[in-house]
Amino acid sequence: MTKPPHICLASDCDCGMTRRDFLRVSALGTASVAAPLLFAGDATAQQGPKGDDQPVKIGYLPITDATPLLVAHGRKLFEAEGLHTETPRLFRSWAQIIEAFVSGQVNVIHLLSPATMSVRYGAKFPAKVVAWNHVNGSALTVAKDINSVADLGGKTVAIPFWYSIHNVLLQQILTKNGLTVVSKGREGNIGAREVNLVVLAPAEMVSALASKSIAGFIVAEPFNALAETTGVGKVLRFSGDVWKNHACCVTFLSERDITTRPEWAQRVTNAIVKAQLWTRSNQLDTARLLSNGDSHKYTPHTLQVLSKVLTVTDYADYEKSGIIAHKDWNQRRIDFQPYPFASYTEQMVRSLQKVRVEGDTSFLQKLDPAFVAKDLVDDRFVRKALAAVGGPQAFGLPANLLRTETLAI
């Protein structure tokens, strides 16, 4: 019998995504050591290659959120921009990818949009969002005997990271259904109207659901599709059906690279924007490129699973079954557009301030949404990249690049 996967919450455990991982990342800024360590000494030596000679070193998780970075690499769009690239590095958890980014092992990453705030304002590491990687692309997946949100009462549900849209949306869904969010680890007693949240690496969620260690999870694709195709679980709600065309992951660059290598940052962004535009019109080819059957071996996922997410051939079935509550939103299971709307960033800050987040959140409660929208995001590069591919309309975006956020729990 296969041993159930370990849900890492103990302070002495260092596998997967643990509280220790999170606290270790947060402590970078608490002790004010991140910036001094990275910028101390000879500036030239710390910066490495000058100008555009710096290679693109991608860090990613095996989820469809990473699609633009991997498509840009696989189709040599970075090279088309005159950049050198290294083989992208796959990481298991968000804590690992953050640590690799802060230490300089990778310099172009996709990161959960709320986690960027933890890095910039919690850990005080100077980095900025330069583009969105995608919209939607996540879901709440549950065991097959769970038929409603109310059925999650008294059970444990996994999230990928406290600083995630997944955490925000799940808590809003649970609260709307009269359930109370708790975080009691593996040993605590869970009340009948409580839902216990645990952090689990995305790659471990499906097996955890299969072993009944958890009753459900909310995470990026294709793990929801994997649970469906293997018969382990079913989708209860798509995240994009709660927050219309929300971002999940964004492209994150260090402020040092943005400041000292603006042309490099522009070329990186150009490649990512072109990758998203190609992906929208080449969904099956994208699934092939990301699948385990491709020579790049970017992900361990099959073409069948990735196609279920990217080609959206069965989305109408979800509408017929009632899983989709807002048919008039006319969305894809996952879609791609690069512009980081300020209205989203402001709403993200307000939402995160109202939900349960483990660790030191003192910095979070002090953040002003309007300030974060301007300070965390640098949209100069994506605006220029959009202009080069036909403007915002190439992605069906409004010409003024403004929108109103739509949330309907």
Foldseek 3Di string as FASTA:
>chain_A
DDDFDDQEEDCPDDPFDYPVLVQVLLVLQVVPPLVCVQCPDDNDVSVDDAAQADAAEEEEELFCLCLLVLLLVVVVLLVVLVHHYDQYHYDQAQSVSSVCCSVVVGFKYKHFVQVLCSNCQRSVFAKFFAWFSWFFQKFKKFFAVDDALLSQFFFEEEEAALRFVQVLVNCVRLVVVVAAEDADPQPDGGGRRYYHYGHGGLVSQLSNLQVVVGGIYMDGPDSQLVCVVVVSIHTQATPCLFWPRATTITIMGGVVCCVRHVSNVLSSLLSSQVSQLVCQVPQLVSLVSSDCVDPSNNDPHHSVSSCVQRVQPCVVVCVVVCNRPCVVSVDGNMHGDIHDALQNQLVSLVSSCPGDGDDDCPSSVPDHSNVCSVRRHDHPSVQVSQVVVPHPVSRPADRVSHDHIDGDD
